PDB file of N, CA and C in Angstrom:
ATOM      1  N   MET A   1      18.804  24.716 -23.466  1.00  0.00           N
ATOM      2  CA  MET A   1      17.794  23.961 -22.740  1.00  0.00           C
ATOM      3  C   MET A   1      17.818  24.305 -21.256  1.00  0.00           C
ATOM      4  N   GLU A   2      17.925  25.558 -20.937  1.00  0.00           N
ATOM      5  CA  GLU A   2      17.932  25.954 -19.538  1.00  0.00           C
ATOM      6  C   GLU A   2      16.544  25.853 -18.917  1.00  0.00           C
ATOM      7  N   TYR A   3      15.519  25.724 -19.767  1.00  0.00           N
ATOM      8  CA  TYR A   3      14.160  25.580 -19.255  1.00  0.00           C
ATOM      9  C   TYR A   3      13.924  24.197 -18.662  1.00  0.00           C
ATOM     10  N   LEU A   4      14.659  23.218 -19.139  1.00  0.00           N
ATOM     11  CA  LEU A   4      14.485  21.843 -18.694  1.00  0.00           C
ATOM     12  C   LEU A   4      15.545  21.501 -17.658  1.00  0.00           C
ATOM     13  N   ASN A   5      15.169  21.580 -16.408  1.00  0.00           N
ATOM     14  CA  ASN A   5      16.067  21.255 -15.312  1.00  0.00           C
ATOM     15  C   ASN A   5      15.779  19.815 -14.900  1.00  0.00           C
ATOM     16  N   LEU A   6      16.700  18.911 -15.181  1.00  0.00           N
ATOM     17  CA  LEU A   6      16.468  17.485 -14.935  1.00  0.00           C
ATOM     18  C   LEU A   6      16.256  17.179 -13.457  1.00  0.00           C
ATOM     19  N   LYS A   7      16.979  17.852 -12.585  1.00  0.00           N
ATOM     20  CA  LYS A   7      16.834  17.615 -11.146  1.00  0.00           C
ATOM     21  C   LYS A   7      15.437  18.028 -10.663  1.00  0.00           C
ATOM     22  N   ALA A   8      14.949  19.170 -11.122  1.00  0.00           N
ATOM     23  CA  ALA A   8      13.613  19.631 -10.729  1.00  0.00           C
ATOM     24  C   ALA A   8      12.529  18.737 -11.315  1.00  0.00           C
ATOM     25  N   LEU A   9      12.725  18.287 -12.538  1.00  0.00           N
ATOM     26  CA  LEU A   9      11.756  17.394 -13.173  1.00  0.00           C
ATOM     27  C   LEU A   9      11.682  16.060 -12.440  1.00  0.00           C
ATOM     28  N   THR A  10      12.832  15.518 -12.088  1.00  0.00           N
ATOM     29  CA  THR A  10      12.868  14.248 -11.349  1.00  0.00           C
ATOM     30  C   THR A  10      12.201  14.400  -9.986  1.00  0.00           C
ATOM     31  N   ALA A  11      12.506  15.478  -9.284  1.00  0.00           N
ATOM     32  CA  ALA A  11      11.898  15.714  -7.971  1.00  0.00           C
ATOM     33  C   ALA A  11      10.385  15.856  -8.099  1.00  0.00           C
ATOM     34  N   SER A  12       9.943  16.524  -9.132  1.00  0.00           N
ATOM     35  CA  SER A  12       8.507  16.705  -9.358  1.00  0.00           C
ATOM     36  C   SER A  12       7.808  15.369  -9.580  1.00  0.00           C
ATOM     37  N   VAL A  13       8.406  14.513 -10.382  1.00  0.00           N
ATOM     38  CA  VAL A  13       7.820  13.202 -10.663  1.00  0.00           C
ATOM     39  C   VAL A  13       7.809  12.343  -9.401  1.00  0.00           C
ATOM     40  N   VAL A  14       8.898  12.344  -8.658  1.00  0.00           N
ATOM     41  CA  VAL A  14       8.980  11.535  -7.432  1.00  0.00           C
ATOM     42  C   VAL A  14       7.946  12.010  -6.419  1.00  0.00           C
ATOM     43  N   TYR A  15       7.841  13.321  -6.221  1.00  0.00           N
ATOM     44  CA  TYR A  15       6.864  13.840  -5.269  1.00  0.00           C
ATOM     45  C   TYR A  15       5.434  13.570  -5.722  1.00  0.00           C
ATOM     46  N   SER A  16       5.191  13.622  -6.998  1.00  0.00           N
ATOM     47  CA  SER A  16       3.850  13.325  -7.514  1.00  0.00           C
ATOM     48  C   SER A  16       3.472  11.872  -7.244  1.00  0.00           C
ATOM     49  N   VAL A  17       4.379  10.959  -7.532  1.00  0.00           N
ATOM     50  CA  VAL A  17       4.119   9.536  -7.299  1.00  0.00           C
ATOM     51  C   VAL A  17       3.941   9.270  -5.810  1.00  0.00           C
ATOM     52  N   LEU A  18       4.779   9.883  -4.999  1.00  0.00           N
ATOM     53  CA  LEU A  18       4.668   9.715  -3.553  1.00  0.00           C
ATOM     54  C   LEU A  18       3.341  10.264  -3.035  1.00  0.00           C
ATOM     55  N   GLY A  19       2.933  11.424  -3.531  1.00  0.00           N
ATOM     56  CA  GLY A  19       1.663  12.014  -3.109  1.00  0.00           C
ATOM     57  C   GLY A  19       0.472  11.164  -3.505  1.00  0.00           C
ATOM     58  N   ILE A  20       0.495  10.631  -4.721  1.00  0.00           N
ATOM     59  CA  ILE A  20      -0.595   9.766  -5.167  1.00  0.00           C
ATOM     60  C   ILE A  20      -0.645   8.486  -4.344  1.00  0.00           C
ATOM     61  N   ALA A  21       0.503   7.921  -4.018  1.00  0.00           N
ATOM     62  CA  ALA A  21       0.545   6.708  -3.199  1.00  0.00           C
ATOM     63  C   ALA A  21      -0.017   6.973  -1.807  1.00  0.00           C
ATOM     64  N   ILE A  22       0.364   8.086  -1.205  1.00  0.00           N
ATOM     65  CA  ILE A  22      -0.153   8.429   0.123  1.00  0.00           C
ATOM     66  C   ILE A  22      -1.658   8.657   0.067  1.00  0.00           C
ATOM     67  N   LEU A  23      -2.133   9.306  -0.976  1.00  0.00           N
ATOM     68  CA  LEU A  23      -3.572   9.541  -1.135  1.00  0.00           C
ATOM     69  C   LEU A  23      -4.328   8.224  -1.264  1.00  0.00           C
ATOM     70  N   MET A  24      -3.802   7.291  -2.044  1.00  0.00           N
ATOM     71  CA  MET A  24      -4.470   5.996  -2.209  1.00  0.00           C
ATOM     72  C   MET A  24      -4.476   5.201  -0.907  1.00  0.00           C
ATOM     73  N   ILE A  25      -3.377   5.232  -0.180  1.00  0.00           N
ATOM     74  CA  ILE A  25      -3.316   4.516   1.102  1.00  0.00           C
ATOM     75  C   ILE A  25      -4.290   5.126   2.100  1.00  0.00           C
ATOM     76  N   SER A  26      -4.335   6.450   2.170  1.00  0.00           N
ATOM     77  CA  SER A  26      -5.248   7.088   3.122  1.00  0.00           C
ATOM     78  C   SER A  26      -6.709   6.847   2.741  1.00  0.00           C
ATOM     79  N   PHE A  27      -7.019   6.797   1.434  1.00  0.00           N
ATOM     80  CA  PHE A  27      -8.391   6.496   1.030  1.00  0.00           C
ATOM     81  C   PHE A  27      -8.749   5.047   1.365  1.00  0.00           C
ATOM     82  N   TYR A  28      -7.793   4.134   1.231  1.00  0.00           N
ATOM     83  CA  TYR A  28      -8.034   2.740   1.609  1.00  0.00           C
ATOM     84  C   TYR A  28      -8.328   2.645   3.112  1.00  0.00           C
ATOM     85  N   VAL A  29      -7.565   3.362   3.916  1.00  0.00           N
ATOM     86  CA  VAL A  29      -7.807   3.364   5.366  1.00  0.00           C
ATOM     87  C   VAL A  29      -9.182   3.965   5.661  1.00  0.00           C
ATOM     88  N   PHE A  30      -9.541   5.057   4.981  1.00  0.00           N
ATOM     89  CA  PHE A  30     -10.861   5.671   5.144  1.00  0.00           C
ATOM     90  C   PHE A  30     -11.965   4.683   4.787  1.00  0.00           C
ATOM     91  N   ASN A  31     -11.765   3.926   3.721  1.00  0.00           N
ATOM     92  CA  ASN A  31     -12.744   2.933   3.293  1.00  0.00           C
ATOM     93  C   ASN A  31     -12.892   1.827   4.337  1.00  0.00           C
ATOM     94  N   ARG A  32     -11.786   1.431   4.950  1.00  0.00           N
ATOM     95  CA  ARG A  32     -11.846   0.366   5.956  1.00  0.00           C
ATOM     96  C   ARG A  32     -12.491   0.846   7.256  1.00  0.00           C
ATOM     97  N   LEU A  33     -12.364   2.138   7.573  1.00  0.00           N
ATOM     98  CA  LEU A  33     -12.907   2.644   8.827  1.00  0.00           C
ATOM     99  C   LEU A  33     -14.402   2.918   8.757  1.00  0.00           C
ATOM    100  N   THR A  34     -14.934   3.127   7.575  1.00  0.00           N
ATOM    101  CA  THR A  34     -16.369   3.383   7.438  1.00  0.00           C
ATOM    102  C   THR A  34     -17.118   2.057   7.349  1.00  0.00           C
ATOM    103  N   PRO A  35     -18.334   2.024   7.891  1.00  0.00           N
ATOM    104  CA  PRO A  35     -19.106   0.779   7.815  1.00  0.00           C
ATOM    105  C   PRO A  35     -19.550   0.495   6.378  1.00  0.00           C
ATOM    106  N   GLY A  36     -19.516  -0.757   5.997  1.00  0.00           N
ATOM    107  CA  GLY A  36     -19.885  -1.131   4.631  1.00  0.00           C
ATOM    108  C   GLY A  36     -18.778  -0.770   3.657  1.00  0.00           C
ATOM    109  N   THR A  37     -19.043  -0.957   2.391  1.00  0.00           N
ATOM    110  CA  THR A  37     -18.057  -0.578   1.394  1.00  0.00           C
ATOM    111  C   THR A  37     -18.531   0.677   0.672  1.00  0.00           C
ATOM    112  N   LEU A  38     -17.608   1.579   0.434  1.00  0.00           N
ATOM    113  CA  LEU A  38     -17.955   2.832  -0.229  1.00  0.00           C
ATOM    114  C   LEU A  38     -18.458   2.586  -1.639  1.00  0.00           C
ATOM    115  N   ARG A  39     -17.858   1.640  -2.322  1.00  0.00           N
ATOM    116  CA  ARG A  39     -18.242   1.358  -3.708  1.00  0.00           C
ATOM    117  C   ARG A  39     -19.713   0.944  -3.801  1.00  0.00           C
ATOM    118  N   ARG A  40     -20.119   0.023  -2.930  1.00  0.00           N
ATOM    119  CA  ARG A  40     -21.505  -0.442  -2.962  1.00  0.00           C
ATOM    120  C   ARG A  40     -22.462   0.662  -2.544  1.00  0.00           C
ATOM    121  N   GLU A  41     -22.106   1.395  -1.512  1.00  0.00           N
ATOM    122  CA  GLU A  41     -22.986   2.462  -1.023  1.00  0.00           C
ATOM    123  C   GLU A  41     -23.183   3.567  -2.061  1.00  0.00           C
ATOM    124  N   ILE A  42     -22.110   3.920  -2.755  1.00  0.00           N
ATOM    125  CA  ILE A  42     -22.201   5.027  -3.712  1.00  0.00           C
ATOM    126  C   ILE A  42     -22.832   4.572  -5.024  1.00  0.00           C
ATOM    127  N   LEU A  43     -22.389   3.439  -5.564  1.00  0.00           N
ATOM    128  CA  LEU A  43     -22.857   3.018  -6.876  1.00  0.00           C
ATOM    129  C   LEU A  43     -24.206   2.303  -6.849  1.00  0.00           C
ATOM    130  N   GLU A  44     -24.427   1.441  -5.878  1.00  0.00           N
ATOM    131  CA  GLU A  44     -25.667   0.667  -5.849  1.00  0.00           C
ATOM    132  C   GLU A  44     -26.770   1.343  -5.038  1.00  0.00           C
ATOM    133  N   GLU A  45     -26.407   1.918  -3.902  1.00  0.00           N
ATOM    134  CA  GLU A  45     -27.402   2.539  -3.036  1.00  0.00           C
ATOM    135  C   GLU A  45     -27.610   4.016  -3.362  1.00  0.00           C
ATOM    136  N   HIS A  46     -26.782   4.584  -4.233  1.00  0.00           N
ATOM    137  CA  HIS A  46     -26.864   5.992  -4.647  1.00  0.00           C
ATOM    138  C   HIS A  46     -26.821   6.939  -3.448  1.00  0.00           C
ATOM    139  N   ASN A  47     -25.864   6.693  -2.566  1.00  0.00           N
ATOM    140  CA  ASN A  47     -25.699   7.510  -1.369  1.00  0.00           C
ATOM    141  C   ASN A  47     -24.866   8.749  -1.728  1.00  0.00           C
ATOM    142  N   THR A  48     -25.537   9.832  -2.067  1.00  0.00           N
ATOM    143  CA  THR A  48     -24.867  11.053  -2.504  1.00  0.00           C
ATOM    144  C   THR A  48     -24.069  11.687  -1.371  1.00  0.00           C
ATOM    145  N   ALA A  49     -24.600  11.643  -0.168  1.00  0.00           N
ATOM    146  CA  ALA A  49     -23.902  12.249   0.968  1.00  0.00           C
ATOM    147  C   ALA A  49     -22.555  11.565   1.200  1.00  0.00           C
ATOM    148  N   LEU A  50     -22.517  10.264   1.089  1.00  0.00           N
ATOM    149  CA  LEU A  50     -21.264   9.535   1.276  1.00  0.00           C
ATOM    150  C   LEU A  50     -20.283   9.847   0.146  1.00  0.00           C
ATOM    151  N   ALA A  51     -20.772  10.031  -1.055  1.00  0.00           N
ATOM    152  CA  ALA A  51     -19.898  10.404  -2.174  1.00  0.00           C
ATOM    153  C   ALA A  51     -19.295  11.785  -1.941  1.00  0.00           C
ATOM    154  N   ILE A  52     -20.067  12.703  -1.402  1.00  0.00           N
ATOM    155  CA  ILE A  52     -19.554  14.039  -1.105  1.00  0.00           C
ATOM    156  C   ILE A  52     -18.514  13.980   0.004  1.00  0.00           C
ATOM    157  N   ILE A  53     -18.764  13.184   1.028  1.00  0.00           N
ATOM    158  CA  ILE A  53     -17.805  13.026   2.124  1.00  0.00           C
ATOM    159  C   ILE A  53     -16.506  12.410   1.614  1.00  0.00           C
ATOM    160  N   ALA A  54     -16.597  11.389   0.771  1.00  0.00           N
ATOM    161  CA  ALA A  54     -15.395  10.745   0.222  1.00  0.00           C
ATOM    162  C   ALA A  54     -14.607  11.720  -0.648  1.00  0.00           C
ATOM    163  N   ALA A  55     -15.295  12.506  -1.458  1.00  0.00           N
ATOM    164  CA  ALA A  55     -14.615  13.493  -2.299  1.00  0.00           C
ATOM    165  C   ALA A  55     -13.956  14.575  -1.449  1.00  0.00           C
ATOM    166  N   ALA A  56     -14.641  15.029  -0.413  1.00  0.00           N
ATOM    167  CA  ALA A  56     -14.067  16.043   0.474  1.00  0.00           C
ATOM    168  C   ALA A  56     -12.833  15.488   1.194  1.00  0.00           C
ATOM    169  N   PHE A  57     -12.889  14.231   1.601  1.00  0.00           N
ATOM    170  CA  PHE A  57     -11.734  13.604   2.247  1.00  0.00           C
ATOM    171  C   PHE A  57     -10.543  13.560   1.297  1.00  0.00           C
ATOM    172  N   MET A  58     -10.790  13.153   0.050  1.00  0.00           N
ATOM    173  CA  MET A  58      -9.693  13.081  -0.914  1.00  0.00           C
ATOM    174  C   MET A  58      -9.112  14.457  -1.201  1.00  0.00           C
ATOM    175  N   LEU A  59      -9.952  15.475  -1.324  1.00  0.00           N
ATOM    176  CA  LEU A  59      -9.460  16.837  -1.541  1.00  0.00           C
ATOM    177  C   LEU A  59      -8.655  17.348  -0.349  1.00  0.00           C
ATOM    178  N   ALA A  60      -9.128  17.056   0.851  1.00  0.00           N
ATOM    179  CA  ALA A  60      -8.422  17.506   2.048  1.00  0.00           C
ATOM    180  C   ALA A  60      -7.047  16.855   2.151  1.00  0.00           C
ATOM    181  N   VAL A  61      -6.982  15.561   1.924  1.00  0.00           N
ATOM    182  CA  VAL A  61      -5.693  14.863   1.985  1.00  0.00           C
ATOM    183  C   VAL A  61      -4.769  15.349   0.873  1.00  0.00           C
ATOM    184  N   ALA A  62      -5.319  15.601  -0.315  1.00  0.00           N
ATOM    185  CA  ALA A  62      -4.500  16.112  -1.423  1.00  0.00           C
ATOM    186  C   ALA A  62      -3.941  17.489  -1.092  1.00  0.00           C
ATOM    187  N   LEU A  63      -4.723  18.344  -0.458  1.00  0.00           N
ATOM    188  CA  LEU A  63      -4.220  19.667  -0.057  1.00  0.00           C
ATOM    189  C   LEU A  63      -3.130  19.558   0.996  1.00  0.00           C
ATOM    190  N   ILE A  64      -3.282  18.646   1.934  1.00  0.00           N
ATOM    191  CA  ILE A  64      -2.272  18.445   2.965  1.00  0.00           C
ATOM    192  C   ILE A  64      -0.977  17.942   2.347  1.00  0.00           C
ATOM    193  N   ILE A  65      -1.076  16.976   1.439  1.00  0.00           N
ATOM    194  CA  ILE A  65       0.105  16.443   0.770  1.00  0.00           C
ATOM    195  C   ILE A  65       0.781  17.525  -0.062  1.00  0.00           C
ATOM    196  N   SER A  66      -0.007  18.314  -0.760  1.00  0.00           N
ATOM    197  CA  SER A  66       0.545  19.391  -1.578  1.00  0.00           C
ATOM    198  C   SER A  66       1.283  20.418  -0.723  1.00  0.00           C
ATOM    199  N   ALA A  67       0.699  20.789   0.402  1.00  0.00           N
ATOM    200  CA  ALA A  67       1.347  21.737   1.289  1.00  0.00           C
ATOM    201  C   ALA A  67       2.625  21.167   1.892  1.00  0.00           C
ATOM    202  N   ALA A  68       2.617  19.879   2.194  1.00  0.00           N
ATOM    203  CA  ALA A  68       3.806  19.243   2.744  1.00  0.00           C
ATOM    204  C   ALA A  68       4.935  19.179   1.722  1.00  0.00           C
ATOM    205  N   ILE A  69       4.596  18.947   0.476  1.00  0.00           N
ATOM    206  CA  ILE A  69       5.612  18.842  -0.570  1.00  0.00           C
ATOM    207  C   ILE A  69       6.203  20.219  -0.890  1.00  0.00           C
ATOM    208  N   HIS A  70       5.365  21.214  -1.001  1.00  0.00           N
ATOM    209  CA  HIS A  70       5.831  22.543  -1.392  1.00  0.00           C
ATOM    210  C   HIS A  70       6.374  23.359  -0.232  1.00  0.00           C
ATOM    211  N   GLY A  71       6.144  22.893   0.975  1.00  0.00           N
ATOM    212  CA  GLY A  71       6.708  23.573   2.139  1.00  0.00           C
ATOM    213  C   GLY A  71       5.877  24.670   2.571  1.00  0.00           C
TER     214      GLY A  71
END
């Protein structure tokens, strides 16, 4: 079982959970800084531009977190 390295697996899980938590916190801050609520604007008002901006923000933060974790 040399393919299964418990230390690497544990580190991977911890970093994944940490990255997801940071992403959720940063999206919450982004939601609080924008006027109105993103949920209402995207789902009820069909604001496509705001949905694209929110998705781009999440991708950018995910790339930053990924680069920070992998060095």
